[in-house]
Amino acid sequence: MHWQLEIVFFIVLITTAFIALDVKNLLVAVVTLSVFSFISALLYIVMGAVDVGFTEAVVGGGVSGILFIVLIFKTSRRSSD
């Protein structure tokens, strides 16, 4: 049963990667990259690496996603001359 779950996670992982590359809105790209990190954390946990999955979820999905969202809202849309 584990290999079917891994295949589903891999398909969702590839789908979120292509969505993050194709989208024009930066906020949507950050959210899809956070989803990518959480799905990869679930994949690590299913494969048996619980400590790596927990670290990926906290750092990859949580902290860096929040940091990117804050940085997007701190920047302006146009450059100042």
PDB file of N, CA and C in Angstrom:
ATOM      1  N   MET A   1       0.817  -1.205   0.000  1.00  0.00           N
ATOM      2  CA  MET A   1       0.000   0.000   0.000  1.00  0.00           C
ATOM      3  C   MET A   1       0.852   1.257   0.000  1.00  0.00           C
ATOM      4  N   HIS A   2       2.058   1.173   0.520  1.00  0.00           N
ATOM      5  CA  HIS A   2       2.883   2.372   0.593  1.00  0.00           C
ATOM      6  C   HIS A   2       3.313   2.875  -0.775  1.00  0.00           C
ATOM      7  N   TRP A   3       3.530   1.972  -1.714  1.00  0.00           N
ATOM      8  CA  TRP A   3       4.010   2.430  -3.006  1.00  0.00           C
ATOM      9  C   TRP A   3       2.933   3.179  -3.775  1.00  0.00           C
ATOM     10  N   GLN A   4       1.653   2.853  -3.555  1.00  0.00           N
ATOM     11  CA  GLN A   4       0.589   3.611  -4.205  1.00  0.00           C
ATOM     12  C   GLN A   4       0.523   5.034  -3.648  1.00  0.00           C
ATOM     13  N   LEU A   5       0.707   5.159  -2.350  1.00  0.00           N
ATOM     14  CA  LEU A   5       0.713   6.475  -1.710  1.00  0.00           C
ATOM     15  C   LEU A   5       1.904   7.298  -2.183  1.00  0.00           C
ATOM     16  N   GLU A   6       3.050   6.663  -2.336  1.00  0.00           N
ATOM     17  CA  GLU A   6       4.232   7.364  -2.842  1.00  0.00           C
ATOM     18  C   GLU A   6       4.016   7.854  -4.265  1.00  0.00           C
ATOM     19  N   ILE A   7       3.371   7.062  -5.094  1.00  0.00           N
ATOM     20  CA  ILE A   7       3.109   7.476  -6.476  1.00  0.00           C
ATOM     21  C   ILE A   7       2.167   8.676  -6.509  1.00  0.00           C
ATOM     22  N   VAL A   8       1.146   8.660  -5.661  1.00  0.00           N
ATOM     23  CA  VAL A   8       0.227   9.800  -5.586  1.00  0.00           C
ATOM     24  C   VAL A   8       0.968  11.049  -5.138  1.00  0.00           C
ATOM     25  N   PHE A   9       1.837  10.919  -4.127  1.00  0.00           N
ATOM     26  CA  PHE A   9       2.613  12.077  -3.658  1.00  0.00           C
ATOM     27  C   PHE A   9       3.558  12.591  -4.740  1.00  0.00           C
ATOM     28  N   PHE A  10       4.174  11.682  -5.504  1.00  0.00           N
ATOM     29  CA  PHE A  10       5.053  12.110  -6.591  1.00  0.00           C
ATOM     30  C   PHE A  10       4.282  12.852  -7.677  1.00  0.00           C
ATOM     31  N   ILE A  11       3.099  12.394  -8.000  1.00  0.00           N
ATOM     32  CA  ILE A  11       2.286  13.073  -9.019  1.00  0.00           C
ATOM     33  C   ILE A  11       1.881  14.461  -8.546  1.00  0.00           C
ATOM     34  N   VAL A  12       1.464  14.564  -7.291  1.00  0.00           N
ATOM     35  CA  VAL A  12       1.097  15.877  -6.741  1.00  0.00           C
ATOM     36  C   VAL A  12       2.328  16.777  -6.665  1.00  0.00           C
ATOM     37  N   LEU A  13       3.486  16.203  -6.341  1.00  0.00           N
ATOM     38  CA  LEU A  13       4.730  16.968  -6.271  1.00  0.00           C
ATOM     39  C   LEU A  13       5.103  17.557  -7.627  1.00  0.00           C
ATOM     40  N   ILE A  14       5.018  16.760  -8.666  1.00  0.00           N
ATOM     41  CA  ILE A  14       5.342  17.247 -10.009  1.00  0.00           C
ATOM     42  C   ILE A  14       4.324  18.276 -10.467  1.00  0.00           C
ATOM     43  N   THR A  15       3.063  18.067 -10.135  1.00  0.00           N
ATOM     44  CA  THR A  15       2.022  19.025 -10.513  1.00  0.00           C
ATOM     45  C   THR A  15       2.229  20.374  -9.843  1.00  0.00           C
ATOM     46  N   THR A  16       2.524  20.375  -8.548  1.00  0.00           N
ATOM     47  CA  THR A  16       2.748  21.647  -7.855  1.00  0.00           C
ATOM     48  C   THR A  16       4.007  22.339  -8.354  1.00  0.00           C
ATOM     49  N   ALA A  17       5.018  21.579  -8.740  1.00  0.00           N
ATOM     50  CA  ALA A  17       6.232  22.197  -9.280  1.00  0.00           C
ATOM     51  C   ALA A  17       5.945  22.906 -10.602  1.00  0.00           C
ATOM     52  N   PHE A  18       5.179  22.257 -11.480  1.00  0.00           N
ATOM     53  CA  PHE A  18       4.849  22.899 -12.751  1.00  0.00           C
ATOM     54  C   PHE A  18       3.928  24.099 -12.562  1.00  0.00           C
ATOM     55  N   ILE A  19       3.021  24.029 -11.612  1.00  0.00           N
ATOM     56  CA  ILE A  19       2.155  25.175 -11.337  1.00  0.00           C
ATOM     57  C   ILE A  19       2.972  26.347 -10.818  1.00  0.00           C
ATOM     58  N   ALA A  20       3.915  26.072  -9.908  1.00  0.00           N
ATOM     59  CA  ALA A  20       4.746  27.145  -9.365  1.00  0.00           C
ATOM     60  C   ALA A  20       5.623  27.784 -10.438  1.00  0.00           C
ATOM     61  N   LEU A  21       6.062  27.013 -11.404  1.00  0.00           N
ATOM     62  CA  LEU A  21       6.871  27.568 -12.486  1.00  0.00           C
ATOM     63  C   LEU A  21       6.041  28.346 -13.497  1.00  0.00           C
ATOM     64  N   ASP A  22       4.784  27.971 -13.684  1.00  0.00           N
ATOM     65  CA  ASP A  22       3.968  28.552 -14.740  1.00  0.00           C
ATOM     66  C   ASP A  22       3.196  29.797 -14.308  1.00  0.00           C
ATOM     67  N   VAL A  23       2.938  29.951 -13.025  1.00  0.00           N
ATOM     68  CA  VAL A  23       2.083  31.030 -12.555  1.00  0.00           C
ATOM     69  C   VAL A  23       2.836  32.365 -12.578  1.00  0.00           C
ATOM     70  N   LYS A  24       2.101  33.450 -12.828  1.00  0.00           N
ATOM     71  CA  LYS A  24       2.704  34.781 -12.904  1.00  0.00           C
ATOM     72  C   LYS A  24       2.663  35.526 -11.572  1.00  0.00           C
ATOM     73  N   ASN A  25       1.705  35.196 -10.716  1.00  0.00           N
ATOM     74  CA  ASN A  25       1.564  35.874  -9.431  1.00  0.00           C
ATOM     75  C   ASN A  25       2.570  35.287  -8.441  1.00  0.00           C
ATOM     76  N   LEU A  26       3.363  36.167  -7.809  1.00  0.00           N
ATOM     77  CA  LEU A  26       4.393  35.698  -6.886  1.00  0.00           C
ATOM     78  C   LEU A  26       3.809  35.065  -5.630  1.00  0.00           C
ATOM     79  N   LEU A  27       2.703  35.583  -5.154  1.00  0.00           N
ATOM     80  CA  LEU A  27       2.095  35.038  -3.944  1.00  0.00           C
ATOM     81  C   LEU A  27       1.577  33.618  -4.182  1.00  0.00           C
ATOM     82  N   VAL A  28       0.982  33.390  -5.327  1.00  0.00           N
ATOM     83  CA  VAL A  28       0.509  32.051  -5.676  1.00  0.00           C
ATOM     84  C   VAL A  28       1.701  31.101  -5.835  1.00  0.00           C
ATOM     85  N   ALA A  29       2.802  31.594  -6.394  1.00  0.00           N
ATOM     86  CA  ALA A  29       3.999  30.770  -6.545  1.00  0.00           C
ATOM     87  C   ALA A  29       4.566  30.364  -5.188  1.00  0.00           C
ATOM     88  N   VAL A  30       4.571  31.283  -4.238  1.00  0.00           N
ATOM     89  CA  VAL A  30       5.072  30.965  -2.893  1.00  0.00           C
ATOM     90  C   VAL A  30       4.175  29.950  -2.207  1.00  0.00           C
ATOM     91  N   VAL A  31       2.873  30.102  -2.356  1.00  0.00           N
ATOM     92  CA  VAL A  31       1.944  29.156  -1.732  1.00  0.00           C
ATOM     93  C   VAL A  31       2.107  27.766  -2.345  1.00  0.00           C
ATOM     94  N   THR A  32       2.255  27.693  -3.662  1.00  0.00           N
ATOM     95  CA  THR A  32       2.426  26.382  -4.277  1.00  0.00           C
ATOM     96  C   THR A  32       3.779  25.767  -3.914  1.00  0.00           C
ATOM     97  N   LEU A  33       4.803  26.581  -3.715  1.00  0.00           N
ATOM     98  CA  LEU A  33       6.081  26.037  -3.252  1.00  0.00           C
ATOM     99  C   LEU A  33       5.994  25.556  -1.815  1.00  0.00           C
ATOM    100  N   SER A  34       5.182  26.215  -0.996  1.00  0.00           N
ATOM    101  CA  SER A  34       4.964  25.727   0.368  1.00  0.00           C
ATOM    102  C   SER A  34       4.208  24.403   0.346  1.00  0.00           C
ATOM    103  N   VAL A  35       3.233  24.282  -0.539  1.00  0.00           N
ATOM    104  CA  VAL A  35       2.525  23.005  -0.698  1.00  0.00           C
ATOM    105  C   VAL A  35       3.498  21.930  -1.175  1.00  0.00           C
ATOM    106  N   PHE A  36       4.396  22.293  -2.094  1.00  0.00           N
ATOM    107  CA  PHE A  36       5.427  21.376  -2.564  1.00  0.00           C
ATOM    108  C   PHE A  36       6.274  20.869  -1.402  1.00  0.00           C
ATOM    109  N   SER A  37       6.662  21.769  -0.503  1.00  0.00           N
ATOM    110  CA  SER A  37       7.479  21.367   0.642  1.00  0.00           C
ATOM    111  C   SER A  37       6.712  20.458   1.592  1.00  0.00           C
ATOM    112  N   PHE A  38       5.440  20.762   1.822  1.00  0.00           N
ATOM    113  CA  PHE A  38       4.654  19.909   2.712  1.00  0.00           C
ATOM    114  C   PHE A  38       4.421  18.520   2.104  1.00  0.00           C
ATOM    115  N   ILE A  39       4.194  18.456   0.800  1.00  0.00           N
ATOM    116  CA  ILE A  39       4.007  17.161   0.153  1.00  0.00           C
ATOM    117  C   ILE A  39       5.305  16.358   0.184  1.00  0.00           C
ATOM    118  N   SER A  40       6.441  17.031  -0.028  1.00  0.00           N
ATOM    119  CA  SER A  40       7.711  16.306   0.063  1.00  0.00           C
ATOM    120  C   SER A  40       7.977  15.860   1.498  1.00  0.00           C
ATOM    121  N   ALA A  41       7.538  16.633   2.484  1.00  0.00           N
ATOM    122  CA  ALA A  41       7.662  16.200   3.880  1.00  0.00           C
ATOM    123  C   ALA A  41       6.816  14.960   4.140  1.00  0.00           C
ATOM    124  N   LEU A  42       5.607  14.929   3.582  1.00  0.00           N
ATOM    125  CA  LEU A  42       4.777  13.731   3.711  1.00  0.00           C
ATOM    126  C   LEU A  42       5.412  12.527   3.023  1.00  0.00           C
ATOM    127  N   LEU A  43       6.056  12.778   1.907  1.00  0.00           N
ATOM    128  CA  LEU A  43       6.734  11.702   1.195  1.00  0.00           C
ATOM    129  C   LEU A  43       7.894  11.147   2.018  1.00  0.00           C
ATOM    130  N   TYR A  44       8.649  12.032   2.652  1.00  0.00           N
ATOM    131  CA  TYR A  44       9.730  11.583   3.533  1.00  0.00           C
ATOM    132  C   TYR A  44       9.194  10.749   4.689  1.00  0.00           C
ATOM    133  N   ILE A  45       8.076  11.169   5.256  1.00  0.00           N
ATOM    134  CA  ILE A  45       7.494  10.441   6.386  1.00  0.00           C
ATOM    135  C   ILE A  45       6.998   9.067   5.955  1.00  0.00           C
ATOM    136  N   VAL A  46       6.379   8.988   4.773  1.00  0.00           N
ATOM    137  CA  VAL A  46       5.902   7.691   4.271  1.00  0.00           C
ATOM    138  C   VAL A  46       7.081   6.756   4.014  1.00  0.00           C
ATOM    139  N   MET A  47       8.193   7.317   3.569  1.00  0.00           N
ATOM    140  CA  MET A  47       9.370   6.491   3.301  1.00  0.00           C
ATOM    141  C   MET A  47      10.121   6.091   4.566  1.00  0.00           C
ATOM    142  N   GLY A  48       9.762   6.673   5.704  1.00  0.00           N
ATOM    143  CA  GLY A  48      10.370   6.266   6.963  1.00  0.00           C
ATOM    144  C   GLY A  48      11.337   7.254   7.571  1.00  0.00           C
ATOM    145  N   ALA A  49      11.606   8.371   6.911  1.00  0.00           N
ATOM    146  CA  ALA A  49      12.520   9.372   7.451  1.00  0.00           C
ATOM    147  C   ALA A  49      11.702  10.456   8.149  1.00  0.00           C
ATOM    148  N   VAL A  50      11.249  10.159   9.351  1.00  0.00           N
ATOM    149  CA  VAL A  50      10.348  11.059  10.068  1.00  0.00           C
ATOM    150  C   VAL A  50      11.056  12.346  10.460  1.00  0.00           C
ATOM    151  N   ASP A  51      12.314  12.266  10.885  1.00  0.00           N
ATOM    152  CA  ASP A  51      13.038  13.466  11.291  1.00  0.00           C
ATOM    153  C   ASP A  51      13.284  14.410  10.112  1.00  0.00           C
ATOM    154  N   VAL A  52      13.598  13.863   8.958  1.00  0.00           N
ATOM    155  CA  VAL A  52      13.795  14.686   7.763  1.00  0.00           C
ATOM    156  C   VAL A  52      12.468  15.291   7.315  1.00  0.00           C
ATOM    157  N   GLY A  53      11.393  14.532   7.402  1.00  0.00           N
ATOM    158  CA  GLY A  53      10.073  15.042   7.038  1.00  0.00           C
ATOM    159  C   GLY A  53       9.623  16.164   7.945  1.00  0.00           C
ATOM    160  N   PHE A  54       9.883  16.020   9.241  1.00  0.00           N
ATOM    161  CA  PHE A  54       9.515  17.081  10.177  1.00  0.00           C
ATOM    162  C   PHE A  54      10.320  18.346   9.918  1.00  0.00           C
ATOM    163  N   THR A  55      11.618  18.196   9.657  1.00  0.00           N
ATOM    164  CA  THR A  55      12.457  19.360   9.358  1.00  0.00           C
ATOM    165  C   THR A  55      12.024  20.035   8.068  1.00  0.00           C
ATOM    166  N   GLU A  56      11.688  19.254   7.052  1.00  0.00           N
ATOM    167  CA  GLU A  56      11.219  19.823   5.782  1.00  0.00           C
ATOM    168  C   GLU A  56       9.912  20.577   5.962  1.00  0.00           C
ATOM    169  N   ALA A  57       9.020  20.042   6.778  1.00  0.00           N
ATOM    170  CA  ALA A  57       7.737  20.706   7.002  1.00  0.00           C
ATOM    171  C   ALA A  57       7.927  22.024   7.732  1.00  0.00           C
ATOM    172  N   VAL A  58       8.791  22.030   8.733  1.00  0.00           N
ATOM    173  CA  VAL A  58       8.984  23.249   9.528  1.00  0.00           C
ATOM    174  C   VAL A  58       9.761  24.297   8.753  1.00  0.00           C
ATOM    175  N   VAL A  59      10.899  23.912   8.200  1.00  0.00           N
ATOM    176  CA  VAL A  59      11.762  24.887   7.535  1.00  0.00           C
ATOM    177  C   VAL A  59      11.294  25.174   6.117  1.00  0.00           C
ATOM    178  N   GLY A  60      11.089  24.140   5.332  1.00  0.00           N
ATOM    179  CA  GLY A  60      10.738  24.336   3.926  1.00  0.00           C
ATOM    180  C   GLY A  60       9.342  24.874   3.721  1.00  0.00           C
ATOM    181  N   GLY A  61       8.387  24.336   4.441  1.00  0.00           N
ATOM    182  CA  GLY A  61       7.007  24.760   4.255  1.00  0.00           C
ATOM    183  C   GLY A  61       6.609  25.936   5.113  1.00  0.00           C
ATOM    184  N   GLY A  62       7.074  25.966   6.333  1.00  0.00           N
ATOM    185  CA  GLY A  62       6.623  26.990   7.263  1.00  0.00           C
ATOM    186  C   GLY A  62       7.443  28.257   7.248  1.00  0.00           C
ATOM    187  N   VAL A  63       8.681  28.159   7.678  1.00  0.00           N
ATOM    188  CA  VAL A  63       9.506  29.345   7.894  1.00  0.00           C
ATOM    189  C   VAL A  63       9.824  30.060   6.585  1.00  0.00           C
ATOM    190  N   SER A  64      10.284  29.329   5.588  1.00  0.00           N
ATOM    191  CA  SER A  64      10.637  29.998   4.334  1.00  0.00           C
ATOM    192  C   SER A  64       9.408  30.518   3.602  1.00  0.00           C
ATOM    193  N   GLY A  65       8.283  29.823   3.707  1.00  0.00           N
ATOM    194  CA  GLY A  65       7.047  30.334   3.091  1.00  0.00           C
ATOM    195  C   GLY A  65       6.594  31.640   3.716  1.00  0.00           C
ATOM    196  N   ILE A  66       6.623  31.702   5.030  1.00  0.00           N
ATOM    197  CA  ILE A  66       6.254  32.940   5.726  1.00  0.00           C
ATOM    198  C   ILE A  66       7.238  34.054   5.394  1.00  0.00           C
ATOM    199  N   LEU A  67       8.535  33.722   5.352  1.00  0.00           N
ATOM    200  CA  LEU A  67       9.547  34.726   5.012  1.00  0.00           C
ATOM    201  C   LEU A  67       9.335  35.280   3.606  1.00  0.00           C
ATOM    202  N   PHE A  68       9.064  34.411   2.644  1.00  0.00           N
ATOM    203  CA  PHE A  68       8.816  34.874   1.277  1.00  0.00           C
ATOM    204  C   PHE A  68       7.553  35.737   1.183  1.00  0.00           C
ATOM    205  N   ILE A  69       6.506  35.370   1.896  1.00  0.00           N
ATOM    206  CA  ILE A  69       5.268  36.157   1.868  1.00  0.00           C
ATOM    207  C   ILE A  69       5.498  37.535   2.471  1.00  0.00           C
ATOM    208  N   VAL A  70       6.222  37.608   3.573  1.00  0.00           N
ATOM    209  CA  VAL A  70       6.533  38.909   4.183  1.00  0.00           C
ATOM    210  C   VAL A  70       7.370  39.745   3.229  1.00  0.00           C
ATOM    211  N   LEU A  71       8.339  39.141   2.568  1.00  0.00           N
ATOM    212  CA  LEU A  71       9.180  39.888   1.633  1.00  0.00           C
ATOM    213  C   LEU A  71       8.404  40.370   0.413  1.00  0.00           C
ATOM    214  N   ILE A  72       7.448  39.606  -0.046  1.00  0.00           N
ATOM    215  CA  ILE A  72       6.627  40.054  -1.172  1.00  0.00           C
ATOM    216  C   ILE A  72       5.825  41.288  -0.782  1.00  0.00           C
ATOM    217  N   PHE A  73       5.258  41.293   0.426  1.00  0.00           N
ATOM    218  CA  PHE A  73       4.464  42.443   0.848  1.00  0.00           C
ATOM    219  C   PHE A  73       5.316  43.636   1.233  1.00  0.00           C
ATOM    220  N   LYS A  74       6.610  43.444   1.529  1.00  0.00           N
ATOM    221  CA  LYS A  74       7.502  44.556   1.858  1.00  0.00           C
ATOM    222  C   LYS A  74       8.031  45.269   0.623  1.00  0.00           C
ATOM    223  N   THR A  75       8.035  44.599  -0.513  1.00  0.00           N
ATOM    224  CA  THR A  75       8.558  45.216  -1.723  1.00  0.00           C
ATOM    225  C   THR A  75       7.456  45.947  -2.470  1.00  0.00           C
ATOM    226  N   SER A  76       7.855  46.910  -3.266  1.00  0.00           N
ATOM    227  CA  SER A  76       6.874  47.639  -4.072  1.00  0.00           C
ATOM    228  C   SER A  76       6.812  47.025  -5.459  1.00  0.00           C
ATOM    229  N   ARG A  77       5.738  47.327  -6.166  1.00  0.00           N
ATOM    230  CA  ARG A  77       5.548  46.751  -7.494  1.00  0.00           C
ATOM    231  C   ARG A  77       6.443  47.418  -8.527  1.00  0.00           C
ATOM    232  N   ARG A  78       6.732  48.667  -8.353  1.00  0.00           N
ATOM    233  CA  ARG A  78       7.565  49.383  -9.318  1.00  0.00           C
ATOM    234  C   ARG A  78       8.851  49.838  -8.648  1.00  0.00           C
ATOM    235  N   SER A  79       9.889  49.913  -9.429  1.00  0.00           N
ATOM    236  CA  SER A  79      11.177  50.364  -8.879  1.00  0.00           C
ATOM    237  C   SER A  79      11.188  51.889  -8.794  1.00  0.00           C
ATOM    238  N   SER A  80      11.838  52.402  -7.771  1.00  0.00           N
ATOM    239  CA  SER A  80      11.924  53.857  -7.601  1.00  0.00           C
ATOM    240  C   SER A  80      13.137  54.372  -8.375  1.00  0.00           C
ATOM    241  N   ASP A  81      12.918  55.466  -9.072  1.00  0.00           N
ATOM    242  CA  ASP A  81      14.016  56.028  -9.901  1.00  0.00           C
ATOM    243  C   ASP A  81      14.802  57.047  -9.154  1.00  0.00           C
TER     244      ASP A  81
END
